[in-house]
N, C-alpha and C. Protein backbone atom coordinates (compact mmCIF):
# COMPACT_ATOMS: atom_id res chain seq x y z
N MET A 1 103.90 87.31 94.23
CA MET A 1 102.99 88.34 94.72
C MET A 1 103.68 89.10 95.87
N VAL A 2 103.31 90.37 95.97
CA VAL A 2 103.84 91.24 97.01
C VAL A 2 102.69 91.80 97.83
N ARG A 3 102.83 91.76 99.13
CA ARG A 3 101.86 92.39 100.02
C ARG A 3 102.46 93.72 100.45
N HIS A 4 101.68 94.79 100.34
CA HIS A 4 102.10 96.16 100.66
C HIS A 4 101.15 96.67 101.73
N VAL A 5 101.67 96.85 102.95
CA VAL A 5 100.84 97.25 104.09
C VAL A 5 101.41 98.55 104.67
N ILE A 6 100.53 99.53 104.83
CA ILE A 6 100.94 100.81 105.41
C ILE A 6 99.96 101.17 106.51
N ILE A 7 100.50 101.73 107.59
CA ILE A 7 99.69 102.23 108.69
C ILE A 7 100.03 103.70 108.89
N TRP A 8 98.99 104.54 108.96
CA TRP A 8 99.19 105.97 109.16
C TRP A 8 98.51 106.45 110.43
N THR A 9 99.06 107.52 110.99
CA THR A 9 98.44 108.26 112.08
C THR A 9 98.19 109.68 111.59
N LEU A 10 96.98 110.17 111.82
CA LEU A 10 96.63 111.52 111.41
C LEU A 10 97.28 112.56 112.32
N LYS A 11 97.45 113.76 111.77
CA LYS A 11 97.96 114.88 112.57
C LYS A 11 97.03 115.14 113.74
N LYS A 12 97.58 115.52 114.85
CA LYS A 12 96.82 115.68 116.09
C LYS A 12 95.96 116.94 116.12
N ASN A 13 96.27 117.94 115.28
CA ASN A 13 95.56 119.22 115.35
C ASN A 13 94.25 119.24 114.55
N MET A 14 93.77 118.09 114.12
CA MET A 14 92.54 118.02 113.34
C MET A 14 91.34 117.80 114.25
N THR A 15 90.21 118.43 113.88
CA THR A 15 88.97 118.17 114.62
C THR A 15 88.45 116.79 114.21
N GLU A 16 87.47 116.28 114.94
CA GLU A 16 86.89 114.98 114.60
C GLU A 16 86.23 115.02 113.21
N GLU A 17 85.58 116.14 112.89
CA GLU A 17 84.97 116.28 111.57
C GLU A 17 86.03 116.27 110.47
N GLU A 18 87.13 116.99 110.69
CA GLU A 18 88.23 117.01 109.71
C GLU A 18 88.84 115.63 109.54
N LYS A 19 89.00 114.91 110.65
CA LYS A 19 89.55 113.55 110.58
C LYS A 19 88.64 112.64 109.76
N THR A 20 87.35 112.69 110.04
CA THR A 20 86.40 111.84 109.32
C THR A 20 86.44 112.14 107.83
N TRP A 21 86.40 113.41 107.47
CA TRP A 21 86.45 113.83 106.06
C TRP A 21 87.75 113.36 105.41
N ALA A 22 88.88 113.58 106.09
CA ALA A 22 90.19 113.22 105.54
C ALA A 22 90.32 111.72 105.34
N LEU A 23 89.88 110.93 106.31
CA LEU A 23 89.96 109.48 106.19
C LEU A 23 89.11 108.97 105.03
N LEU A 24 87.90 109.49 104.90
CA LEU A 24 87.04 109.06 103.79
C LEU A 24 87.63 109.44 102.44
N LYS A 25 88.19 110.64 102.34
CA LYS A 25 88.80 111.07 101.08
C LYS A 25 90.00 110.19 100.73
N ALA A 26 90.84 109.91 101.71
CA ALA A 26 92.01 109.06 101.47
C ALA A 26 91.58 107.65 101.07
N LYS A 27 90.61 107.10 101.77
CA LYS A 27 90.11 105.74 101.46
C LYS A 27 89.57 105.68 100.03
N ARG A 28 88.71 106.63 99.68
CA ARG A 28 88.15 106.65 98.32
C ARG A 28 89.25 106.78 97.27
N GLY A 29 90.20 107.68 97.53
CA GLY A 29 91.28 107.89 96.57
C GLY A 29 92.13 106.65 96.37
N LEU A 30 92.52 106.01 97.45
CA LEU A 30 93.35 104.81 97.34
C LEU A 30 92.60 103.66 96.70
N GLU A 31 91.39 103.41 97.16
CA GLU A 31 90.64 102.27 96.62
C GLU A 31 90.23 102.48 95.16
N SER A 32 90.18 103.73 94.71
CA SER A 32 89.85 104.01 93.31
C SER A 32 91.00 103.64 92.36
N LEU A 33 92.16 103.34 92.90
CA LEU A 33 93.31 102.97 92.07
C LEU A 33 93.16 101.57 91.47
N LYS A 34 92.31 100.74 92.07
CA LYS A 34 92.07 99.39 91.54
C LYS A 34 91.54 99.49 90.12
N GLY A 35 92.18 98.77 89.22
CA GLY A 35 91.79 98.80 87.82
C GLY A 35 92.49 99.87 87.00
N LYS A 36 93.20 100.78 87.67
CA LYS A 36 93.91 101.85 86.98
C LYS A 36 95.41 101.58 86.87
N ILE A 37 95.91 100.66 87.69
CA ILE A 37 97.35 100.41 87.74
C ILE A 37 97.61 98.94 87.48
N ASP A 38 98.37 98.66 86.42
CA ASP A 38 98.70 97.27 86.09
C ASP A 38 99.43 96.60 87.25
N GLY A 39 99.03 95.40 87.56
CA GLY A 39 99.68 94.62 88.61
C GLY A 39 99.12 94.84 89.99
N LEU A 40 98.21 95.81 90.16
CA LEU A 40 97.57 96.03 91.45
C LEU A 40 96.40 95.06 91.54
N GLU A 41 96.60 93.97 92.25
CA GLU A 41 95.62 92.89 92.31
C GLU A 41 94.46 93.20 93.26
N SER A 42 94.78 93.81 94.41
CA SER A 42 93.73 94.16 95.38
C SER A 42 94.22 95.33 96.22
N ILE A 43 93.25 96.08 96.72
CA ILE A 43 93.58 97.21 97.60
C ILE A 43 92.40 97.47 98.52
N LYS A 44 92.68 97.56 99.80
CA LYS A 44 91.64 97.82 100.80
C LYS A 44 92.20 98.77 101.83
N VAL A 45 91.37 99.72 102.22
CA VAL A 45 91.76 100.69 103.24
C VAL A 45 90.81 100.56 104.42
N GLN A 46 91.37 100.41 105.61
CA GLN A 46 90.60 100.26 106.84
C GLN A 46 90.65 101.57 107.62
N ILE A 47 89.47 102.15 107.91
CA ILE A 47 89.41 103.38 108.70
C ILE A 47 88.45 103.26 109.88
N ASP A 48 87.68 102.19 109.97
CA ASP A 48 86.73 101.98 111.06
C ASP A 48 87.39 101.11 112.12
N ASN A 49 88.16 101.76 112.97
CA ASN A 49 89.00 101.04 113.92
C ASN A 49 88.37 100.96 115.30
N LEU A 50 88.75 99.93 116.03
CA LEU A 50 88.31 99.78 117.41
C LEU A 50 89.03 100.78 118.31
N GLU A 51 88.45 101.07 119.46
CA GLU A 51 89.04 101.99 120.43
C GLU A 51 90.46 101.60 120.84
N SER A 52 90.77 100.32 120.78
CA SER A 52 92.09 99.85 121.19
C SER A 52 93.19 100.18 120.19
N SER A 53 92.83 100.71 119.03
CA SER A 53 93.82 101.03 117.99
C SER A 53 94.63 102.26 118.36
N ASN A 54 95.88 102.29 117.92
CA ASN A 54 96.71 103.48 118.14
C ASN A 54 97.19 104.08 116.81
N ALA A 55 96.51 103.76 115.73
CA ALA A 55 96.73 104.36 114.42
C ALA A 55 95.35 104.61 113.81
N ASP A 56 95.33 105.38 112.72
CA ASP A 56 94.05 105.82 112.16
C ASP A 56 93.64 105.15 110.85
N MET A 57 94.61 104.70 110.06
CA MET A 57 94.27 104.17 108.74
C MET A 57 95.29 103.10 108.35
N LEU A 58 94.77 102.04 107.70
CA LEU A 58 95.61 100.95 107.23
C LEU A 58 95.32 100.69 105.76
N LEU A 59 96.37 100.55 104.98
CA LEU A 59 96.27 100.15 103.58
C LEU A 59 96.80 98.73 103.48
N ASP A 60 96.03 97.87 102.82
CA ASP A 60 96.45 96.49 102.59
C ASP A 60 96.28 96.22 101.10
N ALA A 61 97.40 96.15 100.38
CA ALA A 61 97.35 95.96 98.93
C ALA A 61 98.17 94.74 98.53
N THR A 62 97.75 94.09 97.47
CA THR A 62 98.47 92.97 96.89
C THR A 62 98.82 93.34 95.46
N LEU A 63 100.09 93.15 95.11
CA LEU A 63 100.56 93.45 93.76
C LEU A 63 101.20 92.21 93.16
N ALA A 64 101.25 92.18 91.84
CA ALA A 64 101.72 90.98 91.13
C ALA A 64 103.15 90.61 91.48
N ASP A 65 104.02 91.61 91.60
CA ASP A 65 105.44 91.34 91.88
C ASP A 65 106.12 92.65 92.28
N GLU A 66 107.43 92.60 92.52
CA GLU A 66 108.15 93.79 92.96
C GLU A 66 108.16 94.88 91.89
N GLU A 67 108.17 94.49 90.63
CA GLU A 67 108.12 95.47 89.54
C GLU A 67 106.78 96.21 89.55
N ALA A 68 105.71 95.49 89.83
CA ALA A 68 104.39 96.12 89.91
C ALA A 68 104.34 97.09 91.10
N LEU A 69 104.98 96.73 92.21
CA LEU A 69 105.05 97.62 93.37
C LEU A 69 105.78 98.91 93.00
N ALA A 70 106.90 98.79 92.30
CA ALA A 70 107.67 99.96 91.89
C ALA A 70 106.85 100.85 90.95
N ALA A 71 106.12 100.22 90.02
CA ALA A 71 105.29 100.98 89.08
C ALA A 71 104.14 101.66 89.82
N TYR A 72 103.54 100.98 90.78
CA TYR A 72 102.46 101.53 91.60
C TYR A 72 102.94 102.78 92.33
N GLN A 73 104.13 102.70 92.92
CA GLN A 73 104.66 103.81 93.70
C GLN A 73 104.93 105.04 92.84
N LYS A 74 105.24 104.85 91.56
CA LYS A 74 105.54 105.97 90.65
C LYS A 74 104.33 106.42 89.83
N ASN A 75 103.21 105.72 89.95
CA ASN A 75 102.03 106.04 89.17
C ASN A 75 101.49 107.43 89.56
N PRO A 76 101.19 108.29 88.56
CA PRO A 76 100.71 109.64 88.87
C PRO A 76 99.43 109.68 89.70
N ASP A 77 98.49 108.76 89.45
CA ASP A 77 97.26 108.73 90.25
C ASP A 77 97.58 108.39 91.71
N HIS A 78 98.46 107.44 91.92
CA HIS A 78 98.88 107.07 93.27
C HIS A 78 99.60 108.23 93.94
N MET A 79 100.47 108.88 93.20
CA MET A 79 101.24 110.00 93.77
C MET A 79 100.33 111.16 94.18
N GLU A 80 99.26 111.38 93.43
CA GLU A 80 98.30 112.43 93.78
C GLU A 80 97.62 112.13 95.10
N VAL A 81 97.16 110.90 95.26
CA VAL A 81 96.53 110.50 96.52
C VAL A 81 97.57 110.56 97.65
N GLY A 82 98.78 110.10 97.37
CA GLY A 82 99.85 110.13 98.36
C GLY A 82 100.17 111.53 98.85
N LYS A 83 100.12 112.49 97.95
CA LYS A 83 100.37 113.89 98.33
C LYS A 83 99.35 114.35 99.36
N PHE A 84 98.08 114.01 99.12
CA PHE A 84 97.04 114.37 100.09
C PHE A 84 97.28 113.69 101.43
N ILE A 85 97.62 112.40 101.39
CA ILE A 85 97.84 111.66 102.63
C ILE A 85 99.01 112.24 103.42
N LYS A 86 100.06 112.67 102.74
CA LYS A 86 101.19 113.30 103.44
C LYS A 86 100.76 114.57 104.16
N GLU A 87 99.79 115.29 103.60
CA GLU A 87 99.32 116.53 104.21
C GLU A 87 98.54 116.29 105.50
N ILE A 88 97.90 115.14 105.63
CA ILE A 88 97.02 114.89 106.77
C ILE A 88 97.61 113.98 107.83
N THR A 89 98.76 113.38 107.56
CA THR A 89 99.34 112.42 108.50
C THR A 89 100.64 112.92 109.12
N CYS A 90 100.96 112.35 110.28
CA CYS A 90 102.22 112.67 110.95
C CYS A 90 103.12 111.45 111.08
N GLU A 91 102.58 110.26 110.90
CA GLU A 91 103.36 109.02 110.98
C GLU A 91 102.94 108.06 109.89
N ARG A 92 103.95 107.33 109.36
CA ARG A 92 103.70 106.32 108.34
C ARG A 92 104.63 105.15 108.61
N HIS A 93 104.08 103.95 108.63
CA HIS A 93 104.86 102.73 108.77
C HIS A 93 104.48 101.80 107.63
N CYS A 94 105.48 101.19 107.01
CA CYS A 94 105.25 100.36 105.83
C CYS A 94 105.97 99.03 105.96
N ILE A 95 105.30 97.97 105.52
CA ILE A 95 105.93 96.65 105.40
C ILE A 95 105.53 96.09 104.04
N ASP A 96 106.53 95.69 103.26
CA ASP A 96 106.32 95.01 101.99
C ASP A 96 106.94 93.63 102.12
N TYR A 97 106.24 92.60 101.67
CA TYR A 97 106.79 91.25 101.75
C TYR A 97 106.21 90.38 100.64
N LEU A 98 106.96 89.34 100.29
CA LEU A 98 106.54 88.41 99.27
C LEU A 98 105.56 87.40 99.86
N ILE A 99 104.54 87.07 99.08
CA ILE A 99 103.58 86.05 99.53
C ILE A 99 103.49 84.96 98.48
């Protein structure tokens, strides 16, 4: 199994309303991938963060293996959501590891 964790920071020029809308759209888009991509065992997006946080959104996904991770990254549905996320974020940090 592979754990795929990403943390994003939204662009600073967004209003609070724009941030809320963007985070909800990204969360819905990512979590809707469950059941659409072979090997994607679980996916959860965290957007309700405490004041102490210094990032805006976290993705925590579990995939069957490294091949499933590679297929997930190239999946057209994933790439569509990813395109939107690239438009709204200024920072991305990723950690993938075997579990």
